[in-house]
Amino acid sequence: MEIKDIKDLMAQFDDSSLKEFTYQTKEEAISFSKNEVKIENQKRQFEVPQSPSKQLSEKSDTELTFDSSRSNLSEEELTSAEGQVVNSPLVGVAYLSSAPEKDNFVTVGDQVKKGQTLLIIEAMKVMNEVPAPCDGIVTEILVNNEDLVEFGKGLVRIK
């Protein structure tokens, strides 16, 4: 199937009321879904609903759930404490360093410049850098390495 044909199928699917679409021949198969986003990691594979639901299912015999109401920090604490909270721009897996054997991009007490990489978020096998929105000092890192983060979750506090 040519790229042009795939793009045409995607456009038609996007304009339709269908929730899922699968096309399969002996040589190839293609599938579209408006229901969920798949995030794959070398260690785990998650299916994340795009709805406001906080339920995450891991493709194994265990179940992983994230409930924002049980987070260590409430929204009031995130906004009332001194400093600016850098929030996650997307759903994915947060990494504090570029590789397991490397040092973290930043640690508490580090002086950062606007645009400096604070951490990376992996979404669909793509590494997305999260830059500092301003100059300042890192006062708190709100996530652990390899935490699954959702859109808008506080990642780092800069004063």
N, C-alpha and C. Protein backbone atom coordinates (compact mmCIF):
# COMPACT_ATOMS: atom_id res chain seq x y z
N MET A 1 0.85 -1.17 0.00
CA MET A 1 0.00 0.00 0.00
C MET A 1 0.90 1.24 0.00
N GLU A 2 0.58 2.18 -0.82
CA GLU A 2 1.35 3.41 -0.95
C GLU A 2 1.02 4.37 0.20
N ILE A 3 1.95 5.24 0.51
CA ILE A 3 1.76 6.24 1.57
C ILE A 3 0.55 7.11 1.26
N LYS A 4 0.38 7.47 -0.01
CA LYS A 4 -0.76 8.30 -0.42
C LYS A 4 -2.07 7.60 -0.08
N ASP A 5 -2.14 6.29 -0.33
CA ASP A 5 -3.35 5.52 -0.03
C ASP A 5 -3.61 5.49 1.48
N ILE A 6 -2.55 5.34 2.25
CA ILE A 6 -2.70 5.32 3.71
C ILE A 6 -3.20 6.67 4.21
N LYS A 7 -2.64 7.76 3.67
CA LYS A 7 -3.08 9.10 4.06
C LYS A 7 -4.55 9.32 3.70
N ASP A 8 -4.96 8.84 2.52
CA ASP A 8 -6.36 8.96 2.11
C ASP A 8 -7.27 8.19 3.07
N LEU A 9 -6.85 6.96 3.42
CA LEU A 9 -7.63 6.16 4.37
C LEU A 9 -7.73 6.87 5.72
N MET A 10 -6.62 7.44 6.17
CA MET A 10 -6.62 8.14 7.46
C MET A 10 -7.58 9.33 7.43
N ALA A 11 -7.56 10.08 6.35
CA ALA A 11 -8.44 11.25 6.23
C ALA A 11 -9.90 10.83 6.22
N GLN A 12 -10.22 9.79 5.46
CA GLN A 12 -11.60 9.31 5.41
C GLN A 12 -12.04 8.76 6.77
N PHE A 13 -11.14 8.05 7.44
CA PHE A 13 -11.46 7.51 8.76
C PHE A 13 -11.68 8.64 9.76
N ASP A 14 -10.83 9.66 9.71
CA ASP A 14 -10.93 10.79 10.62
C ASP A 14 -12.25 11.53 10.44
N ASP A 15 -12.73 11.64 9.19
CA ASP A 15 -13.98 12.33 8.90
C ASP A 15 -15.21 11.47 9.18
N SER A 16 -15.02 10.18 9.37
CA SER A 16 -16.16 9.28 9.58
C SER A 16 -16.53 9.21 11.06
N SER A 17 -17.64 8.53 11.34
CA SER A 17 -18.07 8.32 12.73
C SER A 17 -17.57 6.99 13.27
N LEU A 18 -16.76 6.29 12.48
CA LEU A 18 -16.21 5.00 12.92
C LEU A 18 -15.27 5.20 14.10
N LYS A 19 -15.28 4.24 15.02
CA LYS A 19 -14.35 4.26 16.16
C LYS A 19 -13.10 3.46 15.84
N GLU A 20 -13.24 2.39 15.04
CA GLU A 20 -12.11 1.54 14.67
C GLU A 20 -12.25 1.13 13.21
N PHE A 21 -11.10 0.91 12.57
CA PHE A 21 -11.07 0.48 11.18
C PHE A 21 -9.86 -0.42 10.98
N THR A 22 -10.08 -1.56 10.32
CA THR A 22 -8.98 -2.48 10.01
C THR A 22 -9.08 -2.90 8.55
N TYR A 23 -7.95 -2.85 7.85
CA TYR A 23 -7.86 -3.29 6.46
C TYR A 23 -6.72 -4.30 6.40
N GLN A 24 -7.01 -5.48 5.82
CA GLN A 24 -6.00 -6.54 5.83
C GLN A 24 -6.00 -7.29 4.51
N THR A 25 -4.79 -7.54 4.01
CA THR A 25 -4.59 -8.41 2.85
C THR A 25 -3.59 -9.48 3.26
N LYS A 26 -3.22 -10.34 2.31
CA LYS A 26 -2.23 -11.38 2.64
C LYS A 26 -0.88 -10.77 2.98
N GLU A 27 -0.53 -9.65 2.35
CA GLU A 27 0.79 -9.05 2.53
C GLU A 27 0.87 -8.02 3.65
N GLU A 28 -0.24 -7.35 3.96
CA GLU A 28 -0.17 -6.24 4.90
C GLU A 28 -1.48 -6.05 5.65
N ALA A 29 -1.39 -5.31 6.73
CA ALA A 29 -2.58 -4.98 7.51
C ALA A 29 -2.39 -3.58 8.08
N ILE A 30 -3.49 -2.85 8.17
CA ILE A 30 -3.45 -1.51 8.77
C ILE A 30 -4.69 -1.36 9.63
N SER A 31 -4.53 -0.68 10.75
CA SER A 31 -5.64 -0.52 11.68
C SER A 31 -5.62 0.89 12.25
N PHE A 32 -6.80 1.51 12.36
CA PHE A 32 -6.94 2.83 12.97
C PHE A 32 -7.93 2.71 14.12
N SER A 33 -7.73 3.52 15.15
CA SER A 33 -8.64 3.53 16.29
C SER A 33 -8.70 4.94 16.85
N LYS A 34 -9.91 5.41 17.16
CA LYS A 34 -10.09 6.71 17.79
C LYS A 34 -10.24 6.56 19.30
N ASN A 35 -10.20 5.33 19.79
CA ASN A 35 -10.50 5.08 21.19
C ASN A 35 -9.33 5.18 22.13
N GLU A 36 -8.15 4.77 21.71
CA GLU A 36 -7.05 4.72 22.65
C GLU A 36 -5.73 4.99 21.97
N VAL A 37 -4.78 5.38 22.80
CA VAL A 37 -3.42 5.64 22.37
C VAL A 37 -2.55 4.56 22.97
N LYS A 38 -1.65 3.98 22.19
CA LYS A 38 -0.75 2.97 22.72
C LYS A 38 0.60 3.62 23.00
N ILE A 39 1.11 3.38 24.20
CA ILE A 39 2.43 3.86 24.58
C ILE A 39 3.27 2.63 24.82
N GLU A 40 4.33 2.50 24.06
CA GLU A 40 5.17 1.33 24.22
C GLU A 40 6.51 1.73 24.81
N ASN A 41 6.98 0.90 25.68
CA ASN A 41 8.26 1.10 26.34
C ASN A 41 9.01 -0.21 26.20
N GLN A 42 10.32 -0.18 26.28
CA GLN A 42 11.08 -1.41 26.17
C GLN A 42 10.68 -2.39 27.26
N LYS A 43 10.22 -1.90 28.38
CA LYS A 43 9.88 -2.76 29.50
C LYS A 43 8.39 -3.08 29.58
N ARG A 44 7.55 -2.14 29.15
CA ARG A 44 6.11 -2.28 29.33
C ARG A 44 5.37 -1.82 28.08
N GLN A 45 4.12 -2.26 27.96
CA GLN A 45 3.24 -1.72 26.94
C GLN A 45 1.93 -1.37 27.62
N PHE A 46 1.48 -0.13 27.44
CA PHE A 46 0.27 0.34 28.07
C PHE A 46 -0.73 0.74 26.99
N GLU A 47 -1.99 0.63 27.32
CA GLU A 47 -3.04 1.21 26.49
C GLU A 47 -3.68 2.28 27.34
N VAL A 48 -3.66 3.53 26.86
CA VAL A 48 -4.13 4.64 27.65
C VAL A 48 -5.39 5.20 27.00
N PRO A 49 -6.54 5.15 27.70
CA PRO A 49 -7.75 5.75 27.15
C PRO A 49 -7.57 7.26 27.01
N GLN A 50 -8.16 7.85 25.94
CA GLN A 50 -8.06 9.29 25.78
C GLN A 50 -9.12 10.01 26.60
N SER A 51 -10.06 9.28 27.17
CA SER A 51 -11.08 9.88 28.00
C SER A 51 -10.47 10.32 29.32
N PRO A 52 -11.20 11.08 30.14
CA PRO A 52 -10.65 11.54 31.41
C PRO A 52 -10.36 10.42 32.41
N SER A 53 -10.74 9.21 32.09
CA SER A 53 -10.49 8.09 33.00
C SER A 53 -9.02 7.97 33.33
N LYS A 54 -8.72 7.63 34.58
CA LYS A 54 -7.33 7.50 35.02
C LYS A 54 -6.88 6.05 35.01
N GLN A 55 -7.73 5.13 34.53
CA GLN A 55 -7.41 3.70 34.56
C GLN A 55 -6.42 3.36 33.44
N LEU A 56 -5.36 2.66 33.79
CA LEU A 56 -4.37 2.20 32.82
C LEU A 56 -4.28 0.70 32.94
N SER A 57 -4.26 0.01 31.81
CA SER A 57 -4.12 -1.44 31.90
C SER A 57 -2.80 -1.85 31.29
N GLU A 58 -2.06 -2.66 32.02
CA GLU A 58 -0.77 -3.15 31.55
C GLU A 58 -1.00 -4.49 30.89
N LYS A 59 -0.30 -4.77 29.79
CA LYS A 59 -0.49 -6.01 29.05
C LYS A 59 0.26 -7.15 29.72
N SER A 60 -0.21 -7.51 30.89
CA SER A 60 0.34 -8.67 31.60
C SER A 60 -0.72 -9.13 32.58
N ASP A 61 -0.35 -9.99 33.50
CA ASP A 61 -1.33 -10.48 34.45
C ASP A 61 -1.51 -9.55 35.64
N THR A 62 -0.81 -8.42 35.66
CA THR A 62 -0.98 -7.45 36.73
C THR A 62 -1.72 -6.25 36.19
N GLU A 63 -2.30 -5.48 37.10
CA GLU A 63 -3.02 -4.29 36.67
C GLU A 63 -2.39 -3.07 37.31
N LEU A 64 -2.19 -2.04 36.51
CA LEU A 64 -1.58 -0.81 36.98
C LEU A 64 -2.63 0.28 36.90
N THR A 65 -2.87 0.99 37.99
CA THR A 65 -3.84 2.07 37.97
C THR A 65 -3.18 3.34 38.48
N PHE A 66 -3.63 4.46 37.96
CA PHE A 66 -3.17 5.76 38.43
C PHE A 66 -4.39 6.57 38.78
N ASP A 67 -4.45 7.03 40.00
CA ASP A 67 -5.56 7.83 40.48
C ASP A 67 -4.98 9.15 40.95
N SER A 68 -5.29 10.23 40.23
CA SER A 68 -4.69 11.52 40.57
C SER A 68 -5.13 12.01 41.94
N SER A 69 -6.27 11.53 42.43
CA SER A 69 -6.71 11.96 43.75
C SER A 69 -5.83 11.38 44.85
N ARG A 70 -5.04 10.34 44.54
CA ARG A 70 -4.17 9.72 45.53
C ARG A 70 -2.73 10.17 45.36
N SER A 71 -2.51 11.16 44.53
CA SER A 71 -1.17 11.69 44.31
C SER A 71 -0.62 12.26 45.60
N ASN A 72 0.71 12.27 45.74
CA ASN A 72 1.33 12.80 46.94
C ASN A 72 1.07 14.30 47.10
N LEU A 73 0.92 15.01 46.00
CA LEU A 73 0.71 16.44 46.06
C LEU A 73 -0.63 16.80 45.44
N SER A 74 -1.42 17.62 46.15
CA SER A 74 -2.70 18.06 45.61
C SER A 74 -2.46 19.23 44.66
N GLU A 75 -3.49 19.58 43.89
CA GLU A 75 -3.36 20.71 42.97
C GLU A 75 -3.07 22.00 43.75
N GLU A 76 -3.69 22.15 44.94
CA GLU A 76 -3.44 23.34 45.74
C GLU A 76 -1.97 23.41 46.16
N GLU A 77 -1.42 22.26 46.57
CA GLU A 77 -0.02 22.22 46.98
C GLU A 77 0.90 22.52 45.79
N LEU A 78 0.52 22.04 44.62
CA LEU A 78 1.35 22.28 43.44
C LEU A 78 1.39 23.76 43.08
N THR A 79 0.26 24.45 43.26
CA THR A 79 0.21 25.85 42.86
C THR A 79 0.54 26.81 43.99
N SER A 80 0.31 26.41 45.26
CA SER A 80 0.53 27.34 46.36
C SER A 80 1.98 27.41 46.80
N ALA A 81 2.73 26.34 46.63
CA ALA A 81 4.13 26.35 47.04
C ALA A 81 4.91 27.32 46.16
N GLU A 82 6.01 27.82 46.70
CA GLU A 82 6.82 28.77 45.95
C GLU A 82 7.42 28.14 44.71
N GLY A 83 7.44 28.90 43.64
CA GLY A 83 8.06 28.43 42.42
C GLY A 83 7.05 28.07 41.36
N GLN A 84 7.57 27.86 40.17
CA GLN A 84 6.73 27.51 39.02
C GLN A 84 6.82 26.01 38.78
N VAL A 85 5.67 25.37 38.65
CA VAL A 85 5.64 23.94 38.36
C VAL A 85 5.65 23.74 36.85
N VAL A 86 6.55 22.91 36.39
CA VAL A 86 6.60 22.55 34.97
C VAL A 86 5.75 21.30 34.83
N ASN A 87 4.69 21.40 34.03
CA ASN A 87 3.75 20.30 33.86
C ASN A 87 4.07 19.48 32.61
N SER A 88 3.62 18.24 32.62
CA SER A 88 3.85 17.35 31.49
C SER A 88 3.04 17.82 30.28
N PRO A 89 3.68 17.96 29.12
CA PRO A 89 2.96 18.37 27.92
C PRO A 89 2.24 17.22 27.23
N LEU A 90 2.46 15.98 27.69
CA LEU A 90 1.83 14.82 27.06
C LEU A 90 1.86 13.62 27.99
N VAL A 91 1.15 12.59 27.61
CA VAL A 91 1.13 11.32 28.35
C VAL A 91 2.33 10.50 27.90
N GLY A 92 3.03 9.91 28.84
CA GLY A 92 4.17 9.08 28.48
C GLY A 92 4.95 8.63 29.69
N VAL A 93 6.15 8.14 29.45
CA VAL A 93 7.04 7.68 30.51
C VAL A 93 8.13 8.72 30.70
N ALA A 94 8.29 9.21 31.93
CA ALA A 94 9.28 10.24 32.23
C ALA A 94 10.63 9.61 32.52
N TYR A 95 11.66 10.16 31.92
CA TYR A 95 13.04 9.73 32.18
C TYR A 95 13.84 10.95 32.65
N LEU A 96 14.53 10.81 33.77
CA LEU A 96 15.29 11.92 34.34
C LEU A 96 16.68 12.05 33.72
N SER A 97 17.11 11.04 32.95
CA SER A 97 18.41 11.09 32.27
C SER A 97 18.26 10.55 30.86
N SER A 98 19.26 10.80 30.03
CA SER A 98 19.19 10.37 28.64
C SER A 98 19.44 8.87 28.47
N ALA A 99 20.06 8.24 29.47
CA ALA A 99 20.32 6.81 29.45
C ALA A 99 20.48 6.35 30.90
N PRO A 100 20.22 5.07 31.18
CA PRO A 100 20.30 4.59 32.57
C PRO A 100 21.64 4.86 33.26
N GLU A 101 22.73 4.78 32.52
CA GLU A 101 24.05 4.96 33.14
C GLU A 101 24.47 6.43 33.20
N LYS A 102 23.69 7.32 32.63
CA LYS A 102 24.03 8.75 32.60
C LYS A 102 23.47 9.47 33.83
N ASP A 103 24.06 10.65 34.14
CA ASP A 103 23.55 11.48 35.23
C ASP A 103 22.21 12.09 34.82
N ASN A 104 21.39 12.45 35.83
CA ASN A 104 20.12 13.12 35.57
C ASN A 104 20.37 14.46 34.88
N PHE A 105 19.40 14.89 34.07
CA PHE A 105 19.50 16.19 33.41
C PHE A 105 19.66 17.29 34.46
N VAL A 106 18.81 17.23 35.51
CA VAL A 106 18.88 18.21 36.60
C VAL A 106 18.66 17.49 37.93
N THR A 107 19.15 18.11 39.00
CA THR A 107 18.89 17.63 40.36
C THR A 107 18.43 18.82 41.18
N VAL A 108 17.88 18.56 42.35
CA VAL A 108 17.42 19.63 43.23
C VAL A 108 18.62 20.52 43.57
N GLY A 109 18.41 21.83 43.44
CA GLY A 109 19.47 22.79 43.72
C GLY A 109 20.21 23.27 42.48
N ASP A 110 20.00 22.62 41.34
CA ASP A 110 20.67 23.03 40.10
C ASP A 110 20.12 24.36 39.59
N GLN A 111 21.00 25.20 39.08
CA GLN A 111 20.63 26.43 38.39
C GLN A 111 20.30 26.04 36.94
N VAL A 112 19.12 26.45 36.45
CA VAL A 112 18.74 26.12 35.07
C VAL A 112 18.47 27.40 34.28
N LYS A 113 18.68 27.32 33.00
CA LYS A 113 18.41 28.42 32.07
C LYS A 113 17.16 28.08 31.27
N LYS A 114 16.45 29.10 30.84
CA LYS A 114 15.27 28.91 30.01
C LYS A 114 15.65 28.09 28.79
N GLY A 115 14.87 27.03 28.51
CA GLY A 115 15.11 26.17 27.36
C GLY A 115 15.98 24.95 27.66
N GLN A 116 16.62 24.93 28.83
CA GLN A 116 17.46 23.78 29.21
C GLN A 116 16.58 22.55 29.44
N THR A 117 17.03 21.39 29.01
CA THR A 117 16.26 20.16 29.17
C THR A 117 16.22 19.75 30.64
N LEU A 118 14.99 19.54 31.15
CA LEU A 118 14.79 19.11 32.53
C LEU A 118 14.68 17.59 32.62
N LEU A 119 13.98 17.00 31.66
CA LEU A 119 13.79 15.56 31.58
C LEU A 119 13.22 15.25 30.21
N ILE A 120 13.04 13.97 29.92
CA ILE A 120 12.43 13.59 28.65
C ILE A 120 11.22 12.72 28.93
N ILE A 121 10.25 12.79 28.03
CA ILE A 121 9.06 11.95 28.12
C ILE A 121 8.98 11.13 26.84
N GLU A 122 8.93 9.81 27.02
CA GLU A 122 8.80 8.92 25.87
C GLU A 122 7.33 8.66 25.62
N ALA A 123 6.90 8.92 24.40
CA ALA A 123 5.53 8.65 23.98
C ALA A 123 5.59 8.04 22.59
N MET A 124 5.09 6.83 22.46
CA MET A 124 5.05 6.12 21.19
C MET A 124 6.45 6.02 20.57
N LYS A 125 7.41 5.63 21.38
CA LYS A 125 8.80 5.41 20.96
C LYS A 125 9.52 6.70 20.54
N VAL A 126 8.93 7.85 20.84
CA VAL A 126 9.55 9.13 20.53
C VAL A 126 9.94 9.81 21.84
N MET A 127 11.20 10.24 21.92
CA MET A 127 11.69 10.92 23.11
C MET A 127 11.44 12.43 22.95
N ASN A 128 10.67 13.01 23.88
CA ASN A 128 10.32 14.42 23.84
C ASN A 128 10.99 15.14 25.00
N GLU A 129 11.83 16.12 24.71
CA GLU A 129 12.50 16.88 25.75
C GLU A 129 11.51 17.85 26.39
N VAL A 130 11.60 18.00 27.71
CA VAL A 130 10.79 18.98 28.43
C VAL A 130 11.74 20.10 28.86
N PRO A 131 11.61 21.29 28.24
CA PRO A 131 12.54 22.38 28.54
C PRO A 131 12.08 23.21 29.74
N ALA A 132 13.03 23.88 30.37
CA ALA A 132 12.72 24.81 31.46
C ALA A 132 12.02 26.03 30.85
N PRO A 133 10.88 26.45 31.41
CA PRO A 133 10.17 27.60 30.85
C PRO A 133 10.78 28.94 31.26
N CYS A 134 11.70 28.91 32.24
CA CYS A 134 12.31 30.14 32.74
C CYS A 134 13.65 29.83 33.39
N ASP A 135 14.42 30.86 33.68
CA ASP A 135 15.64 30.70 34.46
C ASP A 135 15.26 30.49 35.91
N GLY A 136 16.05 29.75 36.65
CA GLY A 136 15.77 29.56 38.07
C GLY A 136 16.55 28.42 38.67
N ILE A 137 16.12 28.03 39.86
CA ILE A 137 16.76 26.94 40.59
C ILE A 137 15.73 25.83 40.78
N VAL A 138 16.13 24.60 40.50
CA VAL A 138 15.24 23.45 40.68
C VAL A 138 15.08 23.23 42.18
N THR A 139 13.85 23.39 42.68
CA THR A 139 13.60 23.21 44.12
C THR A 139 13.00 21.85 44.43
N GLU A 140 12.42 21.20 43.41
CA GLU A 140 11.79 19.91 43.66
C GLU A 140 11.60 19.17 42.35
N ILE A 141 11.83 17.87 42.38
CA ILE A 141 11.51 17.01 41.24
C ILE A 141 10.33 16.15 41.68
N LEU A 142 9.20 16.30 41.00
CA LEU A 142 7.93 15.73 41.45
C LEU A 142 7.66 14.32 40.92
N VAL A 143 8.53 13.80 40.06
CA VAL A 143 8.35 12.45 39.51
C VAL A 143 9.62 11.64 39.70
N ASN A 144 9.48 10.35 39.64
CA ASN A 144 10.63 9.44 39.69
C ASN A 144 10.97 9.00 38.27
N ASN A 145 12.18 8.51 38.09
CA ASN A 145 12.58 7.99 36.80
C ASN A 145 11.66 6.84 36.39
N GLU A 146 11.24 6.83 35.15
CA GLU A 146 10.38 5.82 34.54
C GLU A 146 8.95 5.83 35.07
N ASP A 147 8.52 6.94 35.70
CA ASP A 147 7.12 7.08 36.10
C ASP A 147 6.27 7.31 34.86
N LEU A 148 5.08 6.74 34.85
CA LEU A 148 4.10 7.03 33.81
C LEU A 148 3.42 8.34 34.20
N VAL A 149 3.48 9.33 33.33
CA VAL A 149 2.89 10.63 33.63
C VAL A 149 1.77 10.92 32.65
N GLU A 150 0.80 11.66 33.13
CA GLU A 150 -0.30 12.05 32.26
C GLU A 150 -0.17 13.52 31.90
N PHE A 151 -0.94 13.95 30.95
CA PHE A 151 -0.93 15.35 30.52
C PHE A 151 -1.25 16.25 31.71
N GLY A 152 -0.44 17.28 31.92
CA GLY A 152 -0.70 18.24 32.98
C GLY A 152 -0.14 17.89 34.35
N LYS A 153 0.43 16.71 34.50
CA LYS A 153 0.99 16.33 35.80
C LYS A 153 2.25 17.15 36.08
N GLY A 154 2.40 17.60 37.33
CA GLY A 154 3.58 18.35 37.73
C GLY A 154 4.82 17.49 37.65
N LEU A 155 5.88 18.01 37.04
CA LEU A 155 7.13 17.26 36.87
C LEU A 155 8.26 17.82 37.72
N VAL A 156 8.47 19.14 37.62
CA VAL A 156 9.60 19.80 38.28
C VAL A 156 9.11 21.16 38.77
N ARG A 157 9.64 21.59 39.93
CA ARG A 157 9.34 22.93 40.43
C ARG A 157 10.61 23.77 40.32
N ILE A 158 10.46 24.97 39.74
CA ILE A 158 11.59 25.89 39.56
C ILE A 158 11.25 27.19 40.29
N LYS A 159 12.21 27.69 41.08
CA LYS A 159 12.01 28.94 41.81
C LYS A 159 12.87 30.02 41.19
